[in-house]
Amino acid sequence: MSLLVACPGSLQDPQDFTGAPADIIGPKCAVASCHNSHDKAGSLDLTPDANLSKRLVNVPPTGPGCMGLLVDPMAPDQSLLYTKCLPTAPCGTQMPQTGNPLTQDELDELLTWIKTLK
């Protein structure tokens, strides 16, 4: 039996997001019990710091059944960071697991940001 943990909390320093959409990743992903530097759900740390892109670009996922790259600069729309937020998530469950799914505008904003990463 698996236990899902809610992701309460908020980003303490949203200004530290170096180019990331703080209105999406901060409050919906890098929060307590999710993808922050302490909890690293799925071994994924989305903490907003200078090394965020290094933890994402050309990095394979560690989750079971997940393929590809967290951020694929050659195929941004195939980046797992993006596709996991779609209703047809390729592995596991759609993100975020708690709260509302991303709106189309938020998905577009996330993909636009992903396209800037190298």
N, C-alpha and C. Protein backbone atom coordinates (compact mmCIF):
# COMPACT_ATOMS: atom_id res chain seq x y z
N MET A 1 0.85 -1.18 0.00
CA MET A 1 0.00 0.00 0.00
C MET A 1 0.89 1.24 0.00
N SER A 2 0.62 2.19 -0.87
CA SER A 2 1.42 3.41 -0.88
C SER A 2 0.65 4.53 -0.20
N LEU A 3 1.39 5.42 0.36
CA LEU A 3 0.82 6.53 1.10
C LEU A 3 1.18 7.82 0.37
N LEU A 4 0.17 8.59 0.00
CA LEU A 4 0.41 9.88 -0.63
C LEU A 4 0.47 10.94 0.45
N VAL A 5 1.47 11.77 0.37
CA VAL A 5 1.64 12.82 1.35
C VAL A 5 1.25 14.14 0.71
N ALA A 6 0.45 14.91 1.38
CA ALA A 6 0.08 16.22 0.86
C ALA A 6 1.29 17.13 0.84
N CYS A 7 1.19 18.18 0.07
CA CYS A 7 2.32 19.09 -0.09
C CYS A 7 1.95 20.48 0.42
N PRO A 8 1.80 20.63 1.73
CA PRO A 8 1.46 21.94 2.27
C PRO A 8 2.67 22.84 2.29
N GLY A 9 2.42 24.10 2.51
CA GLY A 9 3.54 25.02 2.66
C GLY A 9 3.63 25.99 1.51
N SER A 10 4.65 26.81 1.56
CA SER A 10 4.87 27.79 0.50
C SER A 10 6.35 28.02 0.33
N LEU A 11 6.70 28.58 -0.78
CA LEU A 11 8.10 28.87 -1.07
C LEU A 11 8.52 30.08 -0.25
N GLN A 12 9.59 29.94 0.51
CA GLN A 12 10.01 31.02 1.39
C GLN A 12 10.66 32.17 0.63
N ASP A 13 11.42 31.89 -0.41
CA ASP A 13 12.13 32.92 -1.14
C ASP A 13 11.90 32.83 -2.64
N PRO A 14 10.68 33.18 -3.11
CA PRO A 14 10.38 33.04 -4.53
C PRO A 14 11.30 33.87 -5.42
N GLN A 15 11.88 34.93 -4.90
CA GLN A 15 12.79 35.76 -5.69
C GLN A 15 14.08 35.01 -6.05
N ASP A 16 14.36 33.92 -5.35
CA ASP A 16 15.56 33.15 -5.63
C ASP A 16 15.42 32.24 -6.84
N PHE A 17 14.23 32.12 -7.40
CA PHE A 17 14.06 31.34 -8.61
C PHE A 17 14.77 32.05 -9.73
N THR A 18 15.83 31.47 -10.22
CA THR A 18 16.62 32.10 -11.26
C THR A 18 16.01 31.78 -12.62
N GLY A 19 14.97 32.50 -12.98
CA GLY A 19 14.33 32.34 -14.26
C GLY A 19 13.16 31.38 -14.28
N ALA A 20 13.01 30.58 -13.26
CA ALA A 20 11.89 29.63 -13.23
C ALA A 20 10.60 30.36 -12.94
N PRO A 21 9.47 29.85 -13.43
CA PRO A 21 8.18 30.50 -13.13
C PRO A 21 7.80 30.26 -11.67
N ALA A 22 8.11 31.21 -10.83
CA ALA A 22 7.90 31.07 -9.39
C ALA A 22 6.43 30.85 -9.04
N ASP A 23 5.53 31.29 -9.89
CA ASP A 23 4.12 31.10 -9.60
C ASP A 23 3.65 29.67 -9.84
N ILE A 24 4.49 28.85 -10.48
CA ILE A 24 4.13 27.45 -10.73
C ILE A 24 5.00 26.52 -9.91
N ILE A 25 6.29 26.53 -10.15
CA ILE A 25 7.19 25.57 -9.52
C ILE A 25 7.28 25.80 -8.01
N GLY A 26 7.38 27.04 -7.60
CA GLY A 26 7.50 27.33 -6.18
C GLY A 26 6.31 26.84 -5.37
N PRO A 27 5.13 27.38 -5.61
CA PRO A 27 3.99 27.01 -4.76
C PRO A 27 3.38 25.65 -5.05
N LYS A 28 3.69 25.05 -6.20
CA LYS A 28 3.04 23.78 -6.53
C LYS A 28 3.98 22.58 -6.52
N CYS A 29 5.29 22.80 -6.50
CA CYS A 29 6.23 21.67 -6.62
C CYS A 29 7.28 21.62 -5.51
N ALA A 30 7.94 22.73 -5.27
CA ALA A 30 9.07 22.77 -4.32
C ALA A 30 8.60 23.15 -2.92
N VAL A 31 7.65 22.40 -2.42
CA VAL A 31 7.09 22.69 -1.10
C VAL A 31 7.32 21.49 -0.17
N ALA A 32 6.95 21.65 1.09
CA ALA A 32 7.15 20.59 2.08
C ALA A 32 6.56 19.27 1.63
N SER A 33 7.30 18.21 1.82
CA SER A 33 6.91 16.84 1.49
C SER A 33 6.83 16.57 -0.01
N CYS A 34 7.32 17.47 -0.82
CA CYS A 34 7.31 17.25 -2.26
C CYS A 34 8.72 17.32 -2.82
N HIS A 35 8.96 18.21 -3.74
CA HIS A 35 10.23 18.25 -4.46
C HIS A 35 11.13 19.39 -3.97
N ASN A 36 11.42 19.39 -2.68
CA ASN A 36 12.33 20.40 -2.15
C ASN A 36 13.65 19.74 -1.75
N SER A 37 14.59 20.51 -1.28
CA SER A 37 15.93 19.98 -0.98
C SER A 37 15.94 18.99 0.18
N HIS A 38 14.92 19.01 1.02
CA HIS A 38 14.88 18.10 2.17
C HIS A 38 14.12 16.82 1.86
N ASP A 39 13.01 16.94 1.16
CA ASP A 39 12.15 15.78 0.94
C ASP A 39 12.45 15.05 -0.37
N LYS A 40 12.70 15.76 -1.43
CA LYS A 40 13.08 15.19 -2.73
C LYS A 40 12.21 14.01 -3.16
N ALA A 41 10.91 14.21 -3.19
CA ALA A 41 10.02 13.14 -3.65
C ALA A 41 10.47 12.69 -5.03
N GLY A 42 10.58 11.39 -5.22
CA GLY A 42 11.07 10.85 -6.48
C GLY A 42 12.50 11.24 -6.76
N SER A 43 13.24 11.58 -5.73
CA SER A 43 14.64 12.05 -5.84
C SER A 43 14.77 13.33 -6.66
N LEU A 44 13.69 14.09 -6.75
CA LEU A 44 13.68 15.32 -7.54
C LEU A 44 13.67 16.54 -6.63
N ASP A 45 14.69 17.37 -6.78
CA ASP A 45 14.82 18.60 -5.99
C ASP A 45 14.59 19.79 -6.92
N LEU A 46 13.47 20.47 -6.73
CA LEU A 46 13.14 21.66 -7.52
C LEU A 46 13.36 22.94 -6.72
N THR A 47 14.22 22.88 -5.73
CA THR A 47 14.51 24.04 -4.92
C THR A 47 15.05 25.16 -5.81
N PRO A 48 14.52 26.36 -5.64
CA PRO A 48 14.96 27.48 -6.47
C PRO A 48 16.32 28.00 -6.05
N ASP A 49 17.31 27.59 -6.78
CA ASP A 49 18.65 28.11 -6.53
C ASP A 49 19.43 28.11 -7.85
N ALA A 50 20.66 28.53 -7.77
CA ALA A 50 21.48 28.66 -8.98
C ALA A 50 21.74 27.32 -9.67
N ASN A 51 21.54 26.21 -8.98
CA ASN A 51 21.81 24.89 -9.57
C ASN A 51 20.56 24.18 -10.08
N LEU A 52 19.42 24.85 -10.09
CA LEU A 52 18.18 24.20 -10.50
C LEU A 52 18.30 23.62 -11.90
N SER A 53 18.76 24.39 -12.86
CA SER A 53 18.84 23.87 -14.22
C SER A 53 19.83 22.71 -14.32
N LYS A 54 20.90 22.73 -13.53
CA LYS A 54 21.86 21.61 -13.54
C LYS A 54 21.24 20.32 -13.04
N ARG A 55 20.24 20.44 -12.17
CA ARG A 55 19.57 19.25 -11.65
C ARG A 55 18.50 18.74 -12.61
N LEU A 56 18.21 19.50 -13.67
CA LEU A 56 17.12 19.15 -14.58
C LEU A 56 17.57 18.83 -16.00
N VAL A 57 18.43 19.65 -16.56
CA VAL A 57 18.78 19.55 -17.98
C VAL A 57 19.62 18.31 -18.26
N ASN A 58 19.14 17.49 -19.20
CA ASN A 58 19.80 16.25 -19.62
C ASN A 58 19.96 15.24 -18.48
N VAL A 59 19.10 15.32 -17.48
CA VAL A 59 19.15 14.42 -16.33
C VAL A 59 18.02 13.40 -16.46
N PRO A 60 18.35 12.10 -16.42
CA PRO A 60 17.30 11.08 -16.48
C PRO A 60 16.54 11.01 -15.16
N PRO A 61 15.27 10.63 -15.21
CA PRO A 61 14.48 10.50 -13.98
C PRO A 61 14.90 9.25 -13.20
N THR A 62 14.59 9.26 -11.93
CA THR A 62 14.90 8.10 -11.09
C THR A 62 13.65 7.31 -10.75
N GLY A 63 12.49 7.86 -11.05
CA GLY A 63 11.24 7.17 -10.72
C GLY A 63 11.02 5.92 -11.55
N PRO A 64 10.31 4.95 -10.99
CA PRO A 64 10.05 3.71 -11.71
C PRO A 64 9.16 3.95 -12.93
N GLY A 65 9.57 3.39 -14.04
CA GLY A 65 8.77 3.47 -15.26
C GLY A 65 8.88 4.77 -16.03
N CYS A 66 9.61 5.72 -15.52
CA CYS A 66 9.75 7.01 -16.20
C CYS A 66 10.96 6.96 -17.13
N MET A 67 10.78 7.42 -18.33
CA MET A 67 11.83 7.40 -19.34
C MET A 67 12.10 8.83 -19.82
N GLY A 68 13.19 9.00 -20.55
CA GLY A 68 13.50 10.30 -21.13
C GLY A 68 14.39 11.12 -20.21
N LEU A 69 14.21 12.43 -20.27
CA LEU A 69 15.00 13.37 -19.48
C LEU A 69 14.07 14.31 -18.73
N LEU A 70 14.50 14.75 -17.55
CA LEU A 70 13.70 15.72 -16.82
C LEU A 70 13.46 16.96 -17.67
N VAL A 71 14.53 17.49 -18.24
CA VAL A 71 14.43 18.57 -19.23
C VAL A 71 15.29 18.17 -20.41
N ASP A 72 14.64 18.05 -21.56
CA ASP A 72 15.32 17.68 -22.80
C ASP A 72 15.41 18.91 -23.69
N PRO A 73 16.58 19.55 -23.78
CA PRO A 73 16.70 20.77 -24.58
C PRO A 73 16.48 20.53 -26.07
N MET A 74 16.63 19.30 -26.54
CA MET A 74 16.41 18.98 -27.95
C MET A 74 14.93 18.75 -28.26
N ALA A 75 14.15 18.40 -27.25
CA ALA A 75 12.72 18.16 -27.39
C ALA A 75 12.01 18.64 -26.12
N PRO A 76 11.92 19.96 -25.93
CA PRO A 76 11.36 20.49 -24.69
C PRO A 76 9.97 19.96 -24.35
N ASP A 77 9.13 19.76 -25.38
CA ASP A 77 7.78 19.28 -25.11
C ASP A 77 7.74 17.82 -24.69
N GLN A 78 8.88 17.12 -24.75
CA GLN A 78 8.98 15.75 -24.28
C GLN A 78 9.65 15.67 -22.91
N SER A 79 10.02 16.82 -22.36
CA SER A 79 10.65 16.87 -21.04
C SER A 79 9.69 16.32 -19.99
N LEU A 80 10.20 15.44 -19.15
CA LEU A 80 9.36 14.83 -18.12
C LEU A 80 8.80 15.87 -17.16
N LEU A 81 9.55 16.93 -16.89
CA LEU A 81 9.05 18.00 -16.02
C LEU A 81 7.74 18.57 -16.57
N TYR A 82 7.60 18.60 -17.88
CA TYR A 82 6.39 19.10 -18.54
C TYR A 82 5.34 17.99 -18.68
N THR A 83 5.73 16.83 -19.23
CA THR A 83 4.75 15.79 -19.53
C THR A 83 4.11 15.20 -18.28
N LYS A 84 4.80 15.24 -17.14
CA LYS A 84 4.19 14.75 -15.89
C LYS A 84 3.06 15.66 -15.42
N CYS A 85 2.99 16.87 -15.96
CA CYS A 85 1.93 17.80 -15.58
C CYS A 85 0.71 17.71 -16.50
N LEU A 86 0.81 16.89 -17.53
CA LEU A 86 -0.30 16.71 -18.47
C LEU A 86 -1.27 15.65 -17.96
N PRO A 87 -2.54 15.72 -18.38
CA PRO A 87 -3.50 14.69 -17.95
C PRO A 87 -3.09 13.28 -18.38
N THR A 88 -2.28 13.19 -19.42
CA THR A 88 -1.80 11.90 -19.92
C THR A 88 -0.35 11.67 -19.50
N ALA A 89 -0.05 11.88 -18.23
CA ALA A 89 1.32 11.71 -17.73
C ALA A 89 1.87 10.36 -18.17
N PRO A 90 3.10 10.33 -18.70
CA PRO A 90 3.65 9.09 -19.25
C PRO A 90 4.01 8.02 -18.23
N CYS A 91 4.11 8.39 -16.97
CA CYS A 91 4.44 7.43 -15.92
C CYS A 91 3.94 7.98 -14.59
N GLY A 92 3.64 7.09 -13.69
CA GLY A 92 3.17 7.55 -12.39
C GLY A 92 1.89 8.35 -12.49
N THR A 93 1.75 9.33 -11.63
CA THR A 93 0.55 10.15 -11.60
C THR A 93 0.83 11.55 -12.13
N GLN A 94 -0.24 12.21 -12.54
CA GLN A 94 -0.14 13.58 -13.01
C GLN A 94 0.28 14.47 -11.85
N MET A 95 1.17 15.42 -12.14
CA MET A 95 1.61 16.39 -11.15
C MET A 95 0.89 17.72 -11.37
N PRO A 96 0.68 18.49 -10.36
CA PRO A 96 0.93 18.17 -8.96
C PRO A 96 -0.10 17.18 -8.44
N GLN A 97 0.31 16.38 -7.47
CA GLN A 97 -0.59 15.38 -6.91
C GLN A 97 -1.65 15.99 -6.03
N THR A 98 -1.35 17.12 -5.44
CA THR A 98 -2.35 17.79 -4.59
C THR A 98 -2.72 19.11 -5.23
N GLY A 99 -3.88 19.59 -4.89
CA GLY A 99 -4.34 20.84 -5.48
C GLY A 99 -4.87 20.61 -6.89
N ASN A 100 -5.04 21.68 -7.60
CA ASN A 100 -5.58 21.61 -8.96
C ASN A 100 -4.49 21.32 -9.97
N PRO A 101 -4.85 20.63 -11.05
CA PRO A 101 -3.87 20.46 -12.14
C PRO A 101 -3.51 21.82 -12.73
N LEU A 102 -2.40 21.87 -13.42
CA LEU A 102 -2.01 23.13 -14.05
C LEU A 102 -3.01 23.50 -15.13
N THR A 103 -3.28 24.77 -15.24
CA THR A 103 -4.15 25.26 -16.31
C THR A 103 -3.36 25.25 -17.62
N GLN A 104 -4.04 25.44 -18.73
CA GLN A 104 -3.35 25.50 -20.01
C GLN A 104 -2.35 26.66 -20.03
N ASP A 105 -2.71 27.79 -19.45
CA ASP A 105 -1.78 28.92 -19.39
C ASP A 105 -0.53 28.56 -18.58
N GLU A 106 -0.72 27.85 -17.46
CA GLU A 106 0.43 27.44 -16.64
C GLU A 106 1.29 26.42 -17.38
N LEU A 107 0.65 25.49 -18.09
CA LEU A 107 1.41 24.52 -18.89
C LEU A 107 2.22 25.24 -19.96
N ASP A 108 1.61 26.22 -20.61
CA ASP A 108 2.32 26.99 -21.64
C ASP A 108 3.50 27.75 -21.04
N GLU A 109 3.28 28.34 -19.88
CA GLU A 109 4.35 29.08 -19.20
C GLU A 109 5.50 28.14 -18.80
N LEU A 110 5.16 26.96 -18.29
CA LEU A 110 6.17 25.98 -17.91
C LEU A 110 6.97 25.55 -19.13
N LEU A 111 6.31 25.26 -20.23
CA LEU A 111 7.01 24.84 -21.44
C LEU A 111 7.88 25.96 -21.98
N THR A 112 7.41 27.18 -21.94
CA THR A 112 8.21 28.33 -22.39
C THR A 112 9.48 28.43 -21.56
N TRP A 113 9.37 28.26 -20.24
CA TRP A 113 10.55 28.31 -19.38
C TRP A 113 11.51 27.15 -19.69
N ILE A 114 10.97 25.96 -19.87
CA ILE A 114 11.79 24.79 -20.19
C ILE A 114 12.60 25.05 -21.46
N LYS A 115 11.99 25.69 -22.43
CA LYS A 115 12.67 25.98 -23.71
C LYS A 115 13.86 26.92 -23.53
N THR A 116 13.91 27.65 -22.42
CA THR A 116 15.04 28.56 -22.18
C THR A 116 16.23 27.86 -21.55
N LEU A 117 16.01 26.65 -21.04
CA LEU A 117 17.08 25.94 -20.34
C LEU A 117 18.02 25.25 -21.31
N LYS A 118 19.27 25.30 -21.02
CA LYS A 118 20.29 24.67 -21.87
C LYS A 118 21.22 23.84 -21.04
